[in-house]
């Protein structure tokens, strides 16, 4: 599967992407908000974490001008009254931070989920301290719904997260 928007391409995760994931997920700047700086990934950990089939979970690499720069995953959320998708993502190549690529990525995936998967609702749960990511998500139309106290165990402590959502009008 491949989704294109300008120079950004989102494509299904492939085995040869393991080296990119291991590189990104051993970078303390990336790990600060994704997995934790105390949890660097080896190739073995990448293979165990990212390459096992899970029901309702889709994993992707996104590229800019054909260079792999990050990871995004979508999943279905069960026990909801409304069909809901969740998303998690990170830009692994830090040289591409603060250039609007996150906004382009989120808009592209939201459009795909809305048009191809008929998603009426998309949620995320970023750490409350991840102000850069929250600003990006709000630019893309997501709204804070609820503060989730001590929601995620990260770097040895439970951290607050925001439940944010985007309702897609039909």
C-alpha atoms as a PDB file:
ATOM      1  CA  UNK A   1       0.000   0.000   0.000  1.00  0.00           C
ATOM      2  CA  UNK A   2       1.213   3.485  -0.826  1.00  0.00           C
ATOM      3  CA  UNK A   3      -0.226   6.934  -0.097  1.00  0.00           C
ATOM      4  CA  UNK A   4       1.276  10.008  -1.783  1.00  0.00           C
ATOM      5  CA  UNK A   5       0.952  13.706  -1.048  1.00  0.00           C
ATOM      6  CA  UNK A   6       3.397  16.045  -2.794  1.00  0.00           C
ATOM      7  CA  UNK A   7       6.895  14.741  -2.044  1.00  0.00           C
ATOM      8  CA  UNK A   8       5.695  12.695   0.961  1.00  0.00           C
ATOM      9  CA  UNK A   9       4.981   8.968   0.511  1.00  0.00           C
ATOM     10  CA  UNK A  10       3.555   6.670   3.164  1.00  0.00           C
ATOM     11  CA  UNK A  11       4.129   2.997   2.394  1.00  0.00           C
ATOM     12  CA  UNK A  12       3.760  -0.307   4.184  1.00  0.00           C
ATOM     13  CA  UNK A  13       6.578  -1.293   6.519  1.00  0.00           C
ATOM     14  CA  UNK A  14       9.083  -3.744   4.996  1.00  0.00           C
ATOM     15  CA  UNK A  15      11.766  -5.940   6.582  1.00  0.00           C
ATOM     16  CA  UNK A  16      14.512  -3.776   5.091  1.00  0.00           C
ATOM     17  CA  UNK A  17      13.168  -0.863   7.181  1.00  0.00           C
ATOM     18  CA  UNK A  18      14.397  -2.511  10.401  1.00  0.00           C
ATOM     19  CA  UNK A  19      17.750  -0.712  10.212  1.00  0.00           C
ATOM     20  CA  UNK A  20      16.034   2.684   9.940  1.00  0.00           C
ATOM     21  CA  UNK A  21      13.826   1.919  12.938  1.00  0.00           C
ATOM     22  CA  UNK A  22      16.806   0.733  15.004  1.00  0.00           C
ATOM     23  CA  UNK A  23      18.728   3.913  14.124  1.00  0.00           C
ATOM     24  CA  UNK A  24      15.816   6.221  14.935  1.00  0.00           C
ATOM     25  CA  UNK A  25      14.838   4.374  18.105  1.00  0.00           C
ATOM     26  CA  UNK A  26      18.335   4.550  19.539  1.00  0.00           C
ATOM     27  CA  UNK A  27      18.454   8.352  19.145  1.00  0.00           C
ATOM     28  CA  UNK A  28      17.784  10.013  22.546  1.00  0.00           C
ATOM     29  CA  UNK A  29      16.027  12.967  20.864  1.00  0.00           C
ATOM     30  CA  UNK A  30      13.482  10.642  19.239  1.00  0.00           C
ATOM     31  CA  UNK A  31      13.170   8.460  22.335  1.00  0.00           C
ATOM     32  CA  UNK A  32      12.405  11.463  24.542  1.00  0.00           C
ATOM     33  CA  UNK A  33       8.733  11.177  23.526  1.00  0.00           C
ATOM     34  CA  UNK A  34       8.547   7.773  21.822  1.00  0.00           C
ATOM     35  CA  UNK A  35       9.349   4.732  23.978  1.00  0.00           C
ATOM     36  CA  UNK A  36      11.806   6.529  26.306  1.00  0.00           C
ATOM     37  CA  UNK A  37      15.520   7.279  26.379  1.00  0.00           C
ATOM     38  CA  UNK A  38      15.967   4.367  28.770  1.00  0.00           C
ATOM     39  CA  UNK A  39      14.561   1.967  26.140  1.00  0.00           C
ATOM     40  CA  UNK A  40      16.839   2.139  23.062  1.00  0.00           C
ATOM     41  CA  UNK A  41      16.068  -0.409  20.357  1.00  0.00           C
ATOM     42  CA  UNK A  42      18.372  -3.018  18.880  1.00  0.00           C
ATOM     43  CA  UNK A  43      17.615  -4.742  15.573  1.00  0.00           C
ATOM     44  CA  UNK A  44      16.292  -7.713  17.572  1.00  0.00           C
ATOM     45  CA  UNK A  45      13.934  -5.501  19.579  1.00  0.00           C
ATOM     46  CA  UNK A  46      12.754  -3.798  16.366  1.00  0.00           C
ATOM     47  CA  UNK A  47      11.985  -7.191  14.805  1.00  0.00           C
ATOM     48  CA  UNK A  48      10.061  -8.321  17.916  1.00  0.00           C
ATOM     49  CA  UNK A  49       8.138  -5.041  18.249  1.00  0.00           C
ATOM     50  CA  UNK A  50       7.377  -3.968  14.690  1.00  0.00           C
ATOM     51  CA  UNK A  51       7.222  -7.145  12.626  1.00  0.00           C
ATOM     52  CA  UNK A  52       4.675  -9.292  14.435  1.00  0.00           C
ATOM     53  CA  UNK A  53       1.203  -9.320  12.901  1.00  0.00           C
ATOM     54  CA  UNK A  54      -1.427  -7.708  15.114  1.00  0.00           C
ATOM     55  CA  UNK A  55      -5.130  -7.616  14.324  1.00  0.00           C
ATOM     56  CA  UNK A  56      -6.289  -4.145  13.281  1.00  0.00           C
ATOM     57  CA  UNK A  57      -2.776  -2.626  13.292  1.00  0.00           C
ATOM     58  CA  UNK A  58      -1.182  -1.205  10.142  1.00  0.00           C
ATOM     59  CA  UNK A  59       2.462  -0.089  10.138  1.00  0.00           C
ATOM     60  CA  UNK A  60       4.068   2.302   7.676  1.00  0.00           C
ATOM     61  CA  UNK A  61       7.294   4.107   6.863  1.00  0.00           C
ATOM     62  CA  UNK A  62       7.051   7.563   5.392  1.00  0.00           C
ATOM     63  CA  UNK A  63       9.567   8.972   2.987  1.00  0.00           C
ATOM     64  CA  UNK A  64      10.359  12.429   1.736  1.00  0.00           C
ATOM     65  CA  UNK A  65      11.710  12.482  -1.810  1.00  0.00           C
ATOM     66  CA  UNK A  66      12.224   8.701  -1.409  1.00  0.00           C
ATOM     67  CA  UNK A  67      14.358   9.040   1.776  1.00  0.00           C
ATOM     68  CA  UNK A  68      12.857   7.161   4.770  1.00  0.00           C
ATOM     69  CA  UNK A  69      12.395   9.705   7.554  1.00  0.00           C
ATOM     70  CA  UNK A  70       9.827   8.279   9.960  1.00  0.00           C
ATOM     71  CA  UNK A  71       7.221   5.799  11.117  1.00  0.00           C
ATOM     72  CA  UNK A  72       3.428   5.905  11.486  1.00  0.00           C
ATOM     73  CA  UNK A  73       0.932   3.274  12.586  1.00  0.00           C
ATOM     74  CA  UNK A  74      -2.836   3.177  12.619  1.00  0.00           C
ATOM     75  CA  UNK A  75      -5.085   0.840  14.536  1.00  0.00           C
ATOM     76  CA  UNK A  76      -8.738   0.272  15.218  1.00  0.00           C
ATOM     77  CA  UNK A  77     -10.021   1.017  18.690  1.00  0.00           C
ATOM     78  CA  UNK A  78     -12.434  -1.555  20.095  1.00  0.00           C
ATOM     79  CA  UNK A  79     -15.396  -1.052  22.444  1.00  0.00           C
ATOM     80  CA  UNK A  80     -16.351   2.294  20.972  1.00  0.00           C
ATOM     81  CA  UNK A  81     -19.813   3.436  19.909  1.00  0.00           C
ATOM     82  CA  UNK A  82     -18.240   5.042  16.834  1.00  0.00           C
ATOM     83  CA  UNK A  83     -15.775   3.345  14.487  1.00  0.00           C
ATOM     84  CA  UNK A  84     -12.501   4.821  15.715  1.00  0.00           C
ATOM     85  CA  UNK A  85      -8.931   4.729  14.500  1.00  0.00           C
ATOM     86  CA  UNK A  86      -5.868   5.559  16.562  1.00  0.00           C
ATOM     87  CA  UNK A  87      -2.537   6.823  15.260  1.00  0.00           C
ATOM     88  CA  UNK A  88       1.042   6.946  16.568  1.00  0.00           C
ATOM     89  CA  UNK A  89       3.967   8.401  14.669  1.00  0.00           C
ATOM     90  CA  UNK A  90       7.382   9.966  14.856  1.00  0.00           C
ATOM     91  CA  UNK A  91       9.831  11.659  12.548  1.00  0.00           C
ATOM     92  CA  UNK A  92      13.013   9.649  13.053  1.00  0.00           C
ATOM     93  CA  UNK A  93      15.344  11.889  11.067  1.00  0.00           C
ATOM     94  CA  UNK A  94      15.669  14.891  13.390  1.00  0.00           C
ATOM     95  CA  UNK A  95      16.975  17.142  10.592  1.00  0.00           C
ATOM     96  CA  UNK A  96      13.375  17.081   9.314  1.00  0.00           C
ATOM     97  CA  UNK A  97      11.820  18.372  12.558  1.00  0.00           C
ATOM     98  CA  UNK A  98      10.153  21.797  12.591  1.00  0.00           C
ATOM     99  CA  UNK A  99       9.708  21.931   8.808  1.00  0.00           C
ATOM    100  CA  UNK A 100       5.956  21.246   8.532  1.00  0.00           C
ATOM    101  CA  UNK A 101       6.444  17.589   7.628  1.00  0.00           C
ATOM    102  CA  UNK A 102       4.506  16.349  10.660  1.00  0.00           C
ATOM    103  CA  UNK A 103       1.532  18.470   9.608  1.00  0.00           C
ATOM    104  CA  UNK A 104       1.747  17.131   6.046  1.00  0.00           C
ATOM    105  CA  UNK A 105       2.008  13.559   7.398  1.00  0.00           C
ATOM    106  CA  UNK A 106      -1.031  13.909   9.690  1.00  0.00           C
ATOM    107  CA  UNK A 107      -3.159  15.575   6.990  1.00  0.00           C
ATOM    108  CA  UNK A 108      -2.195  12.827   4.527  1.00  0.00           C
ATOM    109  CA  UNK A 109      -3.014   9.939   6.877  1.00  0.00           C
ATOM    110  CA  UNK A 110      -6.242  11.568   8.094  1.00  0.00           C
ATOM    111  CA  UNK A 111      -7.363  12.003   4.482  1.00  0.00           C
ATOM    112  CA  UNK A 112      -6.547   8.339   3.773  1.00  0.00           C
ATOM    113  CA  UNK A 113      -8.426   7.088   6.853  1.00  0.00           C
ATOM    114  CA  UNK A 114     -11.412   9.319   6.084  1.00  0.00           C
ATOM    115  CA  UNK A 115     -11.705   8.480   2.388  1.00  0.00           C
ATOM    116  CA  UNK A 116     -10.429   4.891   2.169  1.00  0.00           C
ATOM    117  CA  UNK A 117     -11.410   3.514   5.596  1.00  0.00           C
ATOM    118  CA  UNK A 118     -14.512   5.679   6.213  1.00  0.00           C
ATOM    119  CA  UNK A 119     -13.152   6.741   9.604  1.00  0.00           C
ATOM    120  CA  UNK A 120     -15.564   9.064  11.414  1.00  0.00           C
ATOM    121  CA  UNK A 121     -13.201   9.536  14.391  1.00  0.00           C
ATOM    122  CA  UNK A 122      -9.416   9.447  14.876  1.00  0.00           C
ATOM    123  CA  UNK A 123      -7.715   9.644  18.262  1.00  0.00           C
ATOM    124  CA  UNK A 124      -4.196   9.997  19.652  1.00  0.00           C
ATOM    125  CA  UNK A 125      -2.782  10.230  23.164  1.00  0.00           C
ATOM    126  CA  UNK A 126       0.392  12.345  23.115  1.00  0.00           C
ATOM    127  CA  UNK A 127       2.240  13.065  26.331  1.00  0.00           C
ATOM    128  CA  UNK A 128       1.041  16.369  27.793  1.00  0.00           C
ATOM    129  CA  UNK A 129       4.635  17.602  27.832  1.00  0.00           C
ATOM    130  CA  UNK A 130       5.065  17.037  24.072  1.00  0.00           C
ATOM    131  CA  UNK A 131       3.996  20.542  23.142  1.00  0.00           C
ATOM    132  CA  UNK A 132       5.485  20.465  19.625  1.00  0.00           C
ATOM    133  CA  UNK A 133       3.448  17.372  18.690  1.00  0.00           C
ATOM    134  CA  UNK A 134       0.253  18.699  20.279  1.00  0.00           C
ATOM    135  CA  UNK A 135       0.626  21.991  18.373  1.00  0.00           C
ATOM    136  CA  UNK A 136       0.997  19.995  15.122  1.00  0.00           C
ATOM    137  CA  UNK A 137      -2.078  17.871  15.864  1.00  0.00           C
ATOM    138  CA  UNK A 138      -4.174  20.921  16.759  1.00  0.00           C
ATOM    139  CA  UNK A 139      -3.113  22.560  13.467  1.00  0.00           C
ATOM    140  CA  UNK A 140      -4.526  19.449  11.766  1.00  0.00           C
ATOM    141  CA  UNK A 141      -7.894  19.842  13.501  1.00  0.00           C
ATOM    142  CA  UNK A 142      -7.479  17.545  16.511  1.00  0.00           C
ATOM    143  CA  UNK A 143      -8.948  18.791  19.775  1.00  0.00           C
ATOM    144  CA  UNK A 144      -8.095  17.965  23.367  1.00  0.00           C
ATOM    145  CA  UNK A 145     -10.875  15.850  24.849  1.00  0.00           C
ATOM    146  CA  UNK A 146      -9.577  14.710  28.205  1.00  0.00           C
ATOM    147  CA  UNK A 147      -6.406  14.811  30.276  1.00  0.00           C
ATOM    148  CA  UNK A 148      -5.305  11.241  31.063  1.00  0.00           C
ATOM    149  CA  UNK A 149      -3.363  11.462  34.358  1.00  0.00           C
ATOM    150  CA  UNK A 150      -0.433   9.056  34.744  1.00  0.00           C
ATOM    151  CA  UNK A 151      -1.478   7.354  31.491  1.00  0.00           C
ATOM    152  CA  UNK A 152       1.865   6.216  30.061  1.00  0.00           C
ATOM    153  CA  UNK A 153       4.852   4.676  31.825  1.00  0.00           C
ATOM    154  CA  UNK A 154       7.808   6.506  30.331  1.00  0.00           C
ATOM    155  CA  UNK A 155      11.405   6.757  31.536  1.00  0.00           C
ATOM    156  CA  UNK A 156      10.634   5.288  34.944  1.00  0.00           C
ATOM    157  CA  UNK A 157       7.515   7.275  35.784  1.00  0.00           C
ATOM    158  CA  UNK A 158       3.882   7.570  34.808  1.00  0.00           C
ATOM    159  CA  UNK A 159       3.261  10.567  32.558  1.00  0.00           C
ATOM    160  CA  UNK A 160       0.110  12.531  31.815  1.00  0.00           C
ATOM    161  CA  UNK A 161      -1.221  12.357  28.276  1.00  0.00           C
ATOM    162  CA  UNK A 162      -3.967  14.111  26.374  1.00  0.00           C
ATOM    163  CA  UNK A 163      -6.707  12.185  24.641  1.00  0.00           C
ATOM    164  CA  UNK A 164      -7.178  14.159  21.444  1.00  0.00           C
ATOM    165  CA  UNK A 165      -9.649  13.493  18.676  1.00  0.00           C
ATOM    166  CA  UNK A 166     -10.631  14.524  15.212  1.00  0.00           C
ATOM    167  CA  UNK A 167     -14.257  14.047  14.231  1.00  0.00           C
ATOM    168  CA  UNK A 168     -14.668  13.758  10.481  1.00  0.00           C
ATOM    169  CA  UNK A 169     -17.848  15.294   9.166  1.00  0.00           C
ATOM    170  CA  UNK A 170     -19.687  13.423   6.439  1.00  0.00           C
END
